[in-house]
PDB file of N, CA and C in Angstrom:
ATOM      1  N   UNK A   1       0.859  -1.209   0.003  1.00  0.00           N
ATOM      2  CA  UNK A   1      -0.007   0.010  -0.008  1.00  0.00           C
ATOM      3  C   UNK A   1       0.851   1.259   0.037  1.00  0.00           C
ATOM      4  N   UNK A   2       0.565   2.266  -0.804  1.00  0.00           N
ATOM      5  CA  UNK A   2       1.374   3.363  -0.873  1.00  0.00           C
ATOM      6  C   UNK A   2       1.013   4.332   0.307  1.00  0.00           C
ATOM      7  N   UNK A   3       1.912   5.226   0.572  1.00  0.00           N
ATOM      8  CA  UNK A   3       1.763   6.073   1.740  1.00  0.00           C
ATOM      9  C   UNK A   3       0.512   6.989   1.704  1.00  0.00           C
ATOM     10  N   UNK A   4       0.085   7.445   0.549  1.00  0.00           N
ATOM     11  CA  UNK A   4      -1.233   8.310   0.520  1.00  0.00           C
ATOM     12  C   UNK A   4      -2.340   7.372   0.886  1.00  0.00           C
ATOM     13  N   UNK A   5      -2.519   6.149   0.198  1.00  0.00           N
ATOM     14  CA  UNK A   5      -3.715   5.237   0.698  1.00  0.00           C
ATOM     15  C   UNK A   5      -3.573   4.960   2.056  1.00  0.00           C
ATOM     16  N   UNK A   6      -2.389   4.660   2.713  1.00  0.00           N
ATOM     17  CA  UNK A   6      -2.256   4.298   4.153  1.00  0.00           C
ATOM     18  C   UNK A   6      -2.941   5.579   4.883  1.00  0.00           C
ATOM     19  N   UNK A   7      -2.525   6.798   4.610  1.00  0.00           N
ATOM     20  CA  UNK A   7      -2.840   7.920   5.334  1.00  0.00           C
ATOM     21  C   UNK A   7      -4.319   8.249   5.267  1.00  0.00           C
ATOM     22  N   UNK A   8      -4.777   8.047   4.102  1.00  0.00           N
ATOM     23  CA  UNK A   8      -6.397   8.229   3.713  1.00  0.00           C
ATOM     24  C   UNK A   8      -7.016   7.250   4.704  1.00  0.00           C
ATOM     25  N   UNK A   9      -6.742   5.909   4.666  1.00  0.00           N
ATOM     26  CA  UNK A   9      -7.394   4.985   5.431  1.00  0.00           C
ATOM     27  C   UNK A   9      -7.338   5.280   6.973  1.00  0.00           C
ATOM     28  N   UNK A  10      -6.131   5.667   7.330  1.00  0.00           N
ATOM     29  CA  UNK A  10      -5.899   5.899   8.720  1.00  0.00           C
ATOM     30  C   UNK A  10      -6.901   7.109   9.226  1.00  0.00           C
ATOM     31  N   UNK A  11      -6.941   8.137   8.411  1.00  0.00           N
ATOM     32  CA  UNK A  11      -7.756   9.301   8.701  1.00  0.00           C
ATOM     33  C   UNK A  11      -9.236   8.781   8.690  1.00  0.00           C
ATOM     34  N   UNK A  12      -9.687   8.084   7.703  1.00  0.00           N
ATOM     35  CA  UNK A  12     -10.976   7.640   7.607  1.00  0.00           C
ATOM     36  C   UNK A  12     -11.404   6.793   8.718  1.00  0.00           C
ATOM     37  N   UNK A  13     -10.490   5.987   9.315  1.00  0.00           N
ATOM     38  CA  UNK A  13     -10.755   5.278  10.465  1.00  0.00           C
ATOM     39  C   UNK A  13     -11.024   6.270  11.639  1.00  0.00           C
ATOM     40  N   UNK A  14     -10.114   7.113  11.797  1.00  0.00           N
ATOM     41  CA  UNK A  14     -10.325   8.174  12.882  1.00  0.00           C
ATOM     42  C   UNK A  14     -11.668   8.935  12.843  1.00  0.00           C
ATOM     43  N   UNK A  15     -12.151   9.073  11.683  1.00  0.00           N
ATOM     44  CA  UNK A  15     -13.542   9.876  11.491  1.00  0.00           C
ATOM     45  C   UNK A  15     -14.582   8.836  11.858  1.00  0.00           C
ATOM     46  N   UNK A  16     -14.475   7.664  11.474  1.00  0.00           N
ATOM     47  CA  UNK A  16     -15.457   6.660  11.793  1.00  0.00           C
ATOM     48  C   UNK A  16     -15.590   6.249  13.031  1.00  0.00           C
ATOM     49  N   UNK A  17     -14.564   6.431  13.768  1.00  0.00           N
ATOM     50  CA  UNK A  17     -14.566   6.020  15.344  1.00  0.00           C
ATOM     51  C   UNK A  17     -14.839   7.203  16.200  1.00  0.00           C
ATOM     52  N   UNK A  18     -14.901   8.492  15.484  1.00  0.00           N
ATOM     53  CA  UNK A  18     -15.286   9.551  16.313  1.00  0.00           C
ATOM     54  C   UNK A  18     -14.315  10.362  16.981  1.00  0.00           C
ATOM     55  N   UNK A  19     -13.085  10.124  16.573  1.00  0.00           N
ATOM     56  CA  UNK A  19     -11.884  10.850  17.170  1.00  0.00           C
ATOM     57  C   UNK A  19     -12.348  12.272  17.313  1.00  0.00           C
ATOM     58  N   UNK A  20     -12.157  12.961  18.493  1.00  0.00           N
ATOM     59  CA  UNK A  20     -12.531  14.281  18.649  1.00  0.00           C
ATOM     60  C   UNK A  20     -11.763  15.238  17.689  1.00  0.00           C
ATOM     61  N   UNK A  21     -10.582  14.937  17.340  1.00  0.00           N
ATOM     62  CA  UNK A  21      -9.852  15.875  16.499  1.00  0.00           C
ATOM     63  C   UNK A  21     -10.278  15.849  15.081  1.00  0.00           C
ATOM     64  N   UNK A  22     -11.180  15.013  14.696  1.00  0.00           N
ATOM     65  CA  UNK A  22     -11.825  14.993  13.269  1.00  0.00           C
ATOM     66  C   UNK A  22     -13.064  15.605  13.122  1.00  0.00           C
ATOM     67  N   UNK A  23     -13.685  16.093  14.296  1.00  0.00           N
ATOM     68  CA  UNK A  23     -15.082  16.599  14.317  1.00  0.00           C
ATOM     69  C   UNK A  23     -14.981  18.294  14.219  1.00  0.00           C
ATOM     70  N   UNK A  24     -15.567  18.774  13.115  1.00  0.00           N
ATOM     71  CA  UNK A  24     -15.406  20.247  13.092  1.00  0.00           C
ATOM     72  C   UNK A  24     -16.492  20.931  14.194  1.00  0.00           C
ATOM     73  N   UNK A  25     -16.056  22.196  14.539  1.00  0.00           N
ATOM     74  CA  UNK A  25     -16.981  22.778  15.533  1.00  0.00           C
ATOM     75  C   UNK A  25     -18.223  22.934  14.840  1.00  0.00           C
ATOM     76  N   UNK A  26     -19.381  23.276  15.730  1.00  0.00           N
ATOM     77  CA  UNK A  26     -20.687  23.368  15.277  1.00  0.00           C
ATOM     78  C   UNK A  26     -21.034  24.798  15.129  1.00  0.00           C
ATOM     79  N   UNK A  27     -22.268  25.029  14.510  1.00  0.00           N
ATOM     80  CA  UNK A  27     -22.679  26.468  14.271  1.00  0.00           C
ATOM     81  C   UNK A  27     -22.819  27.259  15.504  1.00  0.00           C
ATOM     82  N   UNK A  28     -23.206  26.628  16.671  1.00  0.00           N
ATOM     83  CA  UNK A  28     -23.411  27.292  17.881  1.00  0.00           C
ATOM     84  C   UNK A  28     -22.100  27.978  18.372  1.00  0.00           C
ATOM     85  N   UNK A  29     -20.995  27.108  18.220  1.00  0.00           N
ATOM     86  CA  UNK A  29     -19.619  27.660  18.515  1.00  0.00           C
ATOM     87  C   UNK A  29     -19.177  28.729  17.791  1.00  0.00           C
ATOM     88  N   UNK A  30     -19.378  28.723  16.395  1.00  0.00           N
ATOM     89  CA  UNK A  30     -19.102  29.721  15.598  1.00  0.00           C
ATOM     90  C   UNK A  30     -19.775  31.117  15.929  1.00  0.00           C
ATOM     91  N   UNK A  31     -21.260  30.934  16.208  1.00  0.00           N
ATOM     92  CA  UNK A  31     -21.968  32.006  16.665  1.00  0.00           C
ATOM     93  C   UNK A  31     -21.572  32.641  17.836  1.00  0.00           C
ATOM     94  N   UNK A  32     -21.211  31.951  18.869  1.00  0.00           N
ATOM     95  CA  UNK A  32     -20.605  32.339  20.082  1.00  0.00           C
ATOM     96  C   UNK A  32     -19.260  33.065  19.889  1.00  0.00           C
ATOM     97  N   UNK A  33     -18.327  32.539  19.020  1.00  0.00           N
ATOM     98  CA  UNK A  33     -17.134  33.194  18.647  1.00  0.00           C
ATOM     99  C   UNK A  33     -17.411  34.488  18.095  1.00  0.00           C
ATOM    100  N   UNK A  34     -18.343  34.740  17.169  1.00  0.00           N
ATOM    101  CA  UNK A  34     -18.654  36.015  16.588  1.00  0.00           C
ATOM    102  C   UNK A  34     -19.068  37.030  17.431  1.00  0.00           C
ATOM    103  N   UNK A  35     -19.639  36.498  18.709  1.00  0.00           N
ATOM    104  CA  UNK A  35     -20.051  37.473  19.637  1.00  0.00           C
ATOM    105  C   UNK A  35     -18.855  37.753  20.591  1.00  0.00           C
ATOM    106  N   UNK A  36     -17.709  37.174  20.527  1.00  0.00           N
ATOM    107  CA  UNK A  36     -16.559  37.459  21.424  1.00  0.00           C
ATOM    108  C   UNK A  36     -16.446  36.250  22.431  1.00  0.00           C
ATOM    109  N   UNK A  37     -17.204  35.428  22.467  1.00  0.00           N
ATOM    110  CA  UNK A  37     -17.198  34.322  23.485  1.00  0.00           C
ATOM    111  C   UNK A  37     -16.611  33.086  22.832  1.00  0.00           C
ATOM    112  N   UNK A  38     -15.297  32.894  22.980  1.00  0.00           N
ATOM    113  CA  UNK A  38     -14.800  31.878  22.179  1.00  0.00           C
ATOM    114  C   UNK A  38     -13.562  31.251  23.039  1.00  0.00           C
ATOM    115  N   UNK A  39     -13.141  30.129  22.791  1.00  0.00           N
ATOM    116  CA  UNK A  39     -11.983  29.459  23.318  1.00  0.00           C
ATOM    117  C   UNK A  39     -11.557  28.274  22.386  1.00  0.00           C
ATOM    118  N   UNK A  40     -10.261  27.924  22.455  1.00  0.00           N
ATOM    119  CA  UNK A  40      -9.854  26.857  21.576  1.00  0.00           C
ATOM    120  C   UNK A  40      -9.055  25.857  22.511  1.00  0.00           C
ATOM    121  N   UNK A  41      -8.990  24.644  22.148  1.00  0.00           N
ATOM    122  CA  UNK A  41      -8.186  23.739  22.906  1.00  0.00           C
ATOM    123  C   UNK A  41      -7.068  23.099  21.873  1.00  0.00           C
ATOM    124  N   UNK A  42      -5.892  22.891  22.424  1.00  0.00           N
ATOM    125  CA  UNK A  42      -4.856  22.250  21.578  1.00  0.00           C
ATOM    126  C   UNK A  42      -4.574  20.805  22.194  1.00  0.00           C
ATOM    127  N   UNK A  43      -4.996  20.546  23.292  1.00  0.00           N
ATOM    128  CA  UNK A  43      -4.880  19.231  24.019  1.00  0.00           C
ATOM    129  C   UNK A  43      -6.284  18.717  24.511  1.00  0.00           C
ATOM    130  N   UNK A  44      -6.379  17.569  24.779  1.00  0.00           N
ATOM    131  CA  UNK A  44      -7.686  17.108  25.181  1.00  0.00           C
ATOM    132  C   UNK A  44      -8.380  17.664  26.450  1.00  0.00           C
ATOM    133  N   UNK A  45      -7.534  18.312  27.198  1.00  0.00           N
ATOM    134  CA  UNK A  45      -7.972  18.749  28.568  1.00  0.00           C
ATOM    135  C   UNK A  45      -7.790  20.229  28.879  1.00  0.00           C
ATOM    136  N   UNK A  46      -7.164  21.034  28.129  1.00  0.00           N
ATOM    137  CA  UNK A  46      -6.847  22.401  28.553  1.00  0.00           C
ATOM    138  C   UNK A  46      -7.143  23.322  27.409  1.00  0.00           C
ATOM    139  N   UNK A  47      -7.774  24.445  27.864  1.00  0.00           N
ATOM    140  CA  UNK A  47      -8.031  25.530  26.807  1.00  0.00           C
ATOM    141  C   UNK A  47      -6.743  26.272  26.810  1.00  0.00           C
ATOM    142  N   UNK A  48      -6.594  26.958  25.534  1.00  0.00           N
ATOM    143  CA  UNK A  48      -5.520  27.887  25.385  1.00  0.00           C
ATOM    144  C   UNK A  48      -5.794  29.214  26.274  1.00  0.00           C
ATOM    145  N   UNK A  49      -4.905  29.708  27.111  1.00  0.00           N
ATOM    146  CA  UNK A  49      -5.308  30.955  27.866  1.00  0.00           C
ATOM    147  C   UNK A  49      -5.517  31.969  26.843  1.00  0.00           C
ATOM    148  N   UNK A  50      -6.546  32.823  27.166  1.00  0.00           N
ATOM    149  CA  UNK A  50      -6.962  33.986  26.354  1.00  0.00           C
ATOM    150  C   UNK A  50      -5.864  34.893  26.295  1.00  0.00           C
ATOM    151  N   UNK A  51      -5.084  35.195  27.349  1.00  0.00           N
ATOM    152  CA  UNK A  51      -3.988  36.111  27.255  1.00  0.00           C
ATOM    153  C   UNK A  51      -2.834  35.791  26.356  1.00  0.00           C
ATOM    154  N   UNK A  52      -2.918  34.597  25.694  1.00  0.00           N
ATOM    155  CA  UNK A  52      -1.973  34.401  24.792  1.00  0.00           C
ATOM    156  C   UNK A  52      -2.296  34.976  23.362  1.00  0.00           C
ATOM    157  N   UNK A  53      -3.412  35.430  23.351  1.00  0.00           N
ATOM    158  CA  UNK A  53      -3.932  36.111  22.073  1.00  0.00           C
ATOM    159  C   UNK A  53      -3.928  37.595  22.268  1.00  0.00           C
ATOM    160  N   UNK A  54      -3.941  38.377  21.327  1.00  0.00           N
ATOM    161  CA  UNK A  54      -4.162  39.784  21.358  1.00  0.00           C
ATOM    162  C   UNK A  54      -5.622  40.047  21.866  1.00  0.00           C
ATOM    163  N   UNK A  55      -5.787  41.176  22.672  1.00  0.00           N
ATOM    164  CA  UNK A  55      -7.173  41.525  23.158  1.00  0.00           C
ATOM    165  C   UNK A  55      -8.216  41.757  21.965  1.00  0.00           C
ATOM    166  N   UNK A  56      -7.617  42.199  20.823  1.00  0.00           N
ATOM    167  CA  UNK A  56      -8.478  42.438  19.680  1.00  0.00           C
ATOM    168  C   UNK A  56      -7.914  41.431  18.675  1.00  0.00           C
ATOM    169  N   UNK A  57      -8.678  40.510  18.175  1.00  0.00           N
ATOM    170  CA  UNK A  57      -8.229  39.448  17.357  1.00  0.00           C
ATOM    171  C   UNK A  57      -8.316  39.955  15.905  1.00  0.00           C
ATOM    172  N   UNK A  58      -8.620  41.187  15.644  1.00  0.00           N
ATOM    173  CA  UNK A  58      -8.630  41.673  14.267  1.00  0.00           C
ATOM    174  C   UNK A  58      -7.253  41.882  13.669  1.00  0.00           C
ATOM    175  N   UNK A  59      -6.656  40.758  13.531  1.00  0.00           N
ATOM    176  CA  UNK A  59      -5.302  40.744  13.226  1.00  0.00           C
ATOM    177  C   UNK A  59      -4.887  39.477  12.300  1.00  0.00           C
ATOM    178  N   UNK A  60      -3.651  39.507  11.722  1.00  0.00           N
ATOM    179  CA  UNK A  60      -3.334  38.266  11.083  1.00  0.00           C
ATOM    180  C   UNK A  60      -2.875  37.305  12.054  1.00  0.00           C
ATOM    181  N   UNK A  61      -3.117  35.938  11.847  1.00  0.00           N
ATOM    182  CA  UNK A  61      -2.834  34.960  12.839  1.00  0.00           C
ATOM    183  C   UNK A  61      -2.309  33.741  12.041  1.00  0.00           C
ATOM    184  N   UNK A  62      -1.213  33.215  12.361  1.00  0.00           N
ATOM    185  CA  UNK A  62      -0.735  31.970  11.709  1.00  0.00           C
ATOM    186  C   UNK A  62      -1.216  30.900  12.467  1.00  0.00           C
ATOM    187  N   UNK A  63      -1.953  29.952  12.015  1.00  0.00           N
ATOM    188  CA  UNK A  63      -2.578  28.868  12.823  1.00  0.00           C
ATOM    189  C   UNK A  63      -1.919  27.488  12.292  1.00  0.00           C
ATOM    190  N   UNK A  64      -0.784  27.417  12.728  1.00  0.00           N
ATOM    191  CA  UNK A  64       0.052  26.030  12.312  1.00  0.00           C
ATOM    192  C   UNK A  64      -0.737  24.845  12.879  1.00  0.00           C
ATOM    193  N   UNK A  65      -1.093  24.079  11.789  1.00  0.00           N
ATOM    194  CA  UNK A  65      -1.921  22.882  12.137  1.00  0.00           C
ATOM    195  C   UNK A  65      -3.294  23.171  12.639  1.00  0.00           C
ATOM    196  N   UNK A  66      -3.822  24.350  12.370  1.00  0.00           N
ATOM    197  CA  UNK A  66      -5.023  24.797  12.983  1.00  0.00           C
ATOM    198  C   UNK A  66      -6.160  24.816  11.862  1.00  0.00           C
ATOM    199  N   UNK A  67      -5.940  24.089  10.912  1.00  0.00           N
ATOM    200  CA  UNK A  67      -7.039  23.980   9.769  1.00  0.00           C
ATOM    201  C   UNK A  67      -7.977  22.789   9.794  1.00  0.00           C
ATOM    202  N   UNK A  68      -8.031  22.200  10.827  1.00  0.00           N
ATOM    203  CA  UNK A  68      -8.812  20.826  10.873  1.00  0.00           C
ATOM    204  C   UNK A  68     -10.206  21.116  11.210  1.00  0.00           C
ATOM    205  N   UNK A  69     -10.689  22.310  11.156  1.00  0.00           N
ATOM    206  CA  UNK A  69     -12.229  22.432  11.384  1.00  0.00           C
ATOM    207  C   UNK A  69     -12.491  22.812  12.873  1.00  0.00           C
ATOM    208  N   UNK A  70     -11.539  23.169  13.576  1.00  0.00           N
ATOM    209  CA  UNK A  70     -11.706  23.368  15.013  1.00  0.00           C
ATOM    210  C   UNK A  70     -11.148  24.728  15.459  1.00  0.00           C
ATOM    211  N   UNK A  71      -9.876  24.877  15.520  1.00  0.00           N
ATOM    212  CA  UNK A  71      -9.169  26.089  15.890  1.00  0.00           C
ATOM    213  C   UNK A  71      -9.338  27.172  14.915  1.00  0.00           C
ATOM    214  N   UNK A  72      -8.974  26.952  13.512  1.00  0.00           N
ATOM    215  CA  UNK A  72      -9.108  27.957  12.506  1.00  0.00           C
ATOM    216  C   UNK A  72     -10.401  28.570  12.391  1.00  0.00           C
ATOM    217  N   UNK A  73     -11.625  27.866  12.274  1.00  0.00           N
ATOM    218  CA  UNK A  73     -12.812  28.428  12.176  1.00  0.00           C
ATOM    219  C   UNK A  73     -13.295  29.157  13.399  1.00  0.00           C
ATOM    220  N   UNK A  74     -12.928  28.858  14.570  1.00  0.00           N
ATOM    221  CA  UNK A  74     -13.340  29.604  15.789  1.00  0.00           C
ATOM    222  C   UNK A  74     -12.429  30.946  15.680  1.00  0.00           C
ATOM    223  N   UNK A  75     -11.224  30.930  15.437  1.00  0.00           N
ATOM    224  CA  UNK A  75     -10.379  32.174  15.394  1.00  0.00           C
ATOM    225  C   UNK A  75     -10.889  33.090  14.324  1.00  0.00           C
ATOM    226  N   UNK A  76     -11.182  32.534  13.142  1.00  0.00           N
ATOM    227  CA  UNK A  76     -11.687  33.280  12.124  1.00  0.00           C
ATOM    228  C   UNK A  76     -12.947  33.975  12.350  1.00  0.00           C
ATOM    229  N   UNK A  77     -13.832  33.213  13.074  1.00  0.00           N
ATOM    230  CA  UNK A  77     -15.194  33.690  13.591  1.00  0.00           C
ATOM    231  C   UNK A  77     -15.052  34.886  14.507  1.00  0.00           C
ATOM    232  N   UNK A  78     -13.860  34.788  15.305  1.00  0.00           N
ATOM    233  CA  UNK A  78     -13.679  35.748  16.265  1.00  0.00           C
ATOM    234  C   UNK A  78     -12.882  37.032  15.586  1.00  0.00           C
ATOM    235  N   UNK A  79     -12.848  37.039  14.311  1.00  0.00           N
ATOM    236  CA  UNK A  79     -12.176  38.183  13.526  1.00  0.00           C
ATOM    237  C   UNK A  79     -10.797  38.057  13.120  1.00  0.00           C
ATOM    238  N   UNK A  80     -10.096  37.114  13.443  1.00  0.00           N
ATOM    239  CA  UNK A  80      -8.745  36.904  13.181  1.00  0.00           C
ATOM    240  C   UNK A  80      -8.680  36.585  11.619  1.00  0.00           C
ATOM    241  N   UNK A  81      -7.623  37.099  10.928  1.00  0.00           N
ATOM    242  CA  UNK A  81      -7.388  36.575   9.644  1.00  0.00           C
ATOM    243  C   UNK A  81      -6.364  35.391   9.748  1.00  0.00           C
ATOM    244  N   UNK A  82      -7.002  34.283   9.542  1.00  0.00           N
ATOM    245  CA  UNK A  82      -6.139  33.081   9.815  1.00  0.00           C
ATOM    246  C   UNK A  82      -5.393  32.582   8.584  1.00  0.00           C
ATOM    247  N   UNK A  83      -4.191  32.350   8.702  1.00  0.00           N
ATOM    248  CA  UNK A  83      -3.447  31.618   7.597  1.00  0.00           C
ATOM    249  C   UNK A  83      -2.844  30.307   8.124  1.00  0.00           C
ATOM    250  N   UNK A  84      -2.981  29.308   7.300  1.00  0.00           N
ATOM    251  CA  UNK A  84      -2.303  28.100   7.530  1.00  0.00           C
ATOM    252  C   UNK A  84      -1.494  27.413   6.613  1.00  0.00           C
TER     253      UNK A  84
END
């Protein structure tokens, strides 16, 4: 099996088993972020402290590995211009 097929099957398996990192945020989370009520997690148990971010997220933000449907969309809804 080539590496692309292996990777595809591995991610498909994670999706089918409900791995939390494969589930995009829902519309309610996006709506809250647009109102300024947002948080993101990078580990299963801890939220990223808000003081790690500028007070006004109306800025460019490089979201390394943040494009999986969780962190990037929340930050974009909170007005950050996300690049990944």
